[in-house]
Amino acid sequence: MSVEISNPAELHDPTGFGYSHLARVSGELVLIAGQYDSDADGHTTTEDFAGQVARAFENLGTALRSAGLGYADVAQLRTFIVDHDLDKLTVLGAKIAEIWGDTPPVQTLLGVASLALPGMLFEVDAVAVRD
């Protein structure tokens, strides 16, 4: 496997928050630009935060597949949430658990005032690894 996720016993268990502490990688890095709730024309499709998170991760999956990769190949996520709060963290954590189970990639979450386009509430970019 080109991505090995781990959590040192000396640090808290972060998986309930939707991330892991370490990702050890070997192979070719594939960088995926920020994905969001975009339709074929680049417009957002919903004002619902959970809907935007779901669509952003669907789009991330599409980008991964186009490179011959899948979610298991993701070593790192960077997530951006407009007006971040604990309710939004819960939504994000549930989506990450749905996709990665109890071995989520490393992640940095940034609460931001706004994103690139009006109506965007969430964005995710990724670093994946190909053997």
Protein backbone atom coordinates (compact mmCIF):
# COMPACT_ATOMS: atom_id res chain seq x y z
CA MET A 1 0.00 0.00 0.00
CA SER A 2 1.33 3.46 -0.85
CA VAL A 3 -0.44 5.24 2.04
CA GLU A 4 -0.08 4.04 5.64
CA ILE A 5 -2.27 5.90 8.14
CA SER A 6 -1.39 5.79 11.84
CA ASN A 7 -2.05 7.43 15.18
CA PRO A 8 0.70 7.34 17.84
CA ALA A 9 -0.55 6.02 21.19
CA GLU A 10 1.07 9.02 22.88
CA LEU A 11 -1.33 11.42 21.11
CA HIS A 12 -5.12 11.66 21.45
CA ASP A 13 -7.30 9.56 19.14
CA PRO A 14 -8.37 12.05 16.46
CA THR A 15 -10.57 9.72 14.40
CA GLY A 16 -13.75 10.94 16.06
CA PHE A 17 -12.93 14.35 14.63
CA GLY A 18 -12.45 12.93 11.12
CA TYR A 19 -8.67 12.81 10.77
CA SER A 20 -5.52 10.86 11.63
CA HIS A 21 -2.17 12.20 12.85
CA LEU A 22 0.22 10.60 10.34
CA ALA A 23 0.28 9.46 6.74
CA ARG A 24 3.42 7.71 5.54
CA VAL A 25 3.58 7.70 1.75
CA SER A 26 5.70 6.17 -0.99
CA GLY A 27 5.19 6.63 -4.70
CA GLU A 28 3.97 9.39 -7.01
CA LEU A 29 2.07 12.27 -5.40
CA VAL A 30 -1.15 13.34 -7.12
CA LEU A 31 -2.41 16.77 -6.09
CA ILE A 32 -6.12 17.45 -6.41
CA ALA A 33 -7.38 21.02 -6.45
CA GLY A 34 -10.20 22.20 -4.23
CA GLN A 35 -13.46 20.43 -4.99
CA TYR A 36 -16.79 21.88 -4.01
CA ASP A 37 -20.50 21.48 -4.69
CA SER A 38 -20.14 22.21 -8.39
CA ASP A 39 -22.30 21.19 -11.31
CA ALA A 40 -21.04 20.78 -14.90
CA ASP A 41 -20.91 24.58 -15.25
CA GLY A 42 -19.08 25.20 -11.95
CA HIS A 43 -22.13 26.54 -10.09
CA THR A 44 -23.18 25.41 -6.63
CA THR A 45 -26.31 23.29 -6.56
CA THR A 46 -27.60 23.73 -3.00
CA GLU A 47 -27.44 26.09 -0.04
CA ASP A 48 -27.49 23.10 2.34
CA PHE A 49 -24.11 22.54 4.03
CA ALA A 50 -24.45 18.75 4.22
CA GLY A 51 -25.45 18.64 0.56
CA GLN A 52 -22.42 20.72 -0.38
CA VAL A 53 -20.11 18.42 1.61
CA ALA A 54 -21.58 15.33 -0.07
CA ARG A 55 -21.24 16.77 -3.57
CA ALA A 56 -17.69 18.02 -2.91
CA PHE A 57 -16.60 14.51 -1.88
CA GLU A 58 -18.39 13.03 -4.91
CA ASN A 59 -16.40 15.43 -7.08
CA LEU A 60 -13.22 14.47 -5.23
CA GLY A 61 -13.99 10.82 -6.02
CA THR A 62 -14.44 11.69 -9.70
CA ALA A 63 -11.08 13.48 -9.76
CA LEU A 64 -9.40 10.53 -8.03
CA ARG A 65 -10.88 8.02 -10.49
CA SER A 66 -9.70 10.13 -13.43
CA ALA A 67 -6.14 9.55 -12.14
CA GLY A 68 -6.75 5.82 -11.62
CA LEU A 69 -7.02 6.27 -7.86
CA GLY A 70 -9.63 5.91 -5.14
CA TYR A 71 -10.35 7.34 -1.69
CA ALA A 72 -7.96 4.80 -0.10
CA ASP A 73 -5.09 6.48 -1.97
CA VAL A 74 -5.67 9.83 -0.23
CA ALA A 75 -2.96 10.73 2.28
CA GLN A 76 -4.01 14.29 3.12
CA LEU A 77 -7.11 16.47 3.02
CA ARG A 78 -7.42 20.19 3.51
CA THR A 79 -10.97 21.29 4.22
CA PHE A 80 -12.37 24.80 4.24
CA ILE A 81 -15.65 25.64 5.98
CA VAL A 82 -17.39 29.01 5.82
CA ASP A 83 -18.50 30.11 9.31
CA HIS A 84 -17.20 26.89 10.89
CA ASP A 85 -18.97 25.57 13.99
CA LEU A 86 -19.35 22.23 15.78
CA ASP A 87 -22.52 21.31 13.87
CA LYS A 88 -20.62 21.62 10.59
CA LEU A 89 -17.71 19.63 12.04
CA THR A 90 -20.18 16.86 12.90
CA VAL A 91 -21.45 16.79 9.30
CA LEU A 92 -17.91 16.68 7.94
CA GLY A 93 -16.83 14.01 10.43
CA ALA A 94 -19.78 11.80 9.46
CA LYS A 95 -18.96 12.07 5.74
CA ILE A 96 -15.30 11.27 6.37
CA ALA A 97 -16.25 8.27 8.53
CA GLU A 98 -18.61 7.09 5.77
CA ILE A 99 -15.79 7.16 3.22
CA TRP A 100 -12.70 6.18 5.27
CA GLY A 101 -14.13 4.43 8.33
CA ASP A 102 -11.76 4.48 11.28
CA THR A 103 -8.63 5.24 9.21
CA PRO A 104 -9.23 8.73 7.81
CA PRO A 105 -6.38 10.59 6.10
CA VAL A 106 -4.55 13.40 7.82
CA GLN A 107 -6.51 16.62 7.59
CA THR A 108 -6.26 20.30 8.28
CA LEU A 109 -9.57 22.12 8.65
CA LEU A 110 -9.71 25.86 8.15
CA GLY A 111 -12.66 28.01 9.14
CA VAL A 112 -12.93 30.83 6.61
CA ALA A 113 -15.08 33.93 6.05
CA SER A 114 -15.78 33.07 2.42
CA LEU A 115 -14.62 30.93 -0.50
CA ALA A 116 -14.01 31.61 -4.20
CA LEU A 117 -17.63 31.88 -5.38
CA PRO A 118 -20.83 33.18 -3.82
CA GLY A 119 -22.79 30.40 -2.17
CA MET A 120 -19.81 28.10 -1.56
CA LEU A 121 -19.86 26.82 2.02
CA PHE A 122 -17.31 23.99 1.78
CA GLU A 123 -14.24 23.02 -0.21
CA VAL A 124 -11.81 20.09 0.02
CA ASP A 125 -8.46 19.50 -1.67
CA ALA A 126 -6.35 16.36 -1.44
CA VAL A 127 -2.96 14.78 -1.86
CA ALA A 128 -3.15 11.20 -3.08
CA VAL A 129 -0.40 8.68 -3.77
CA ARG A 130 0.04 6.27 -6.68
CA ASP A 131 2.42 3.30 -6.30
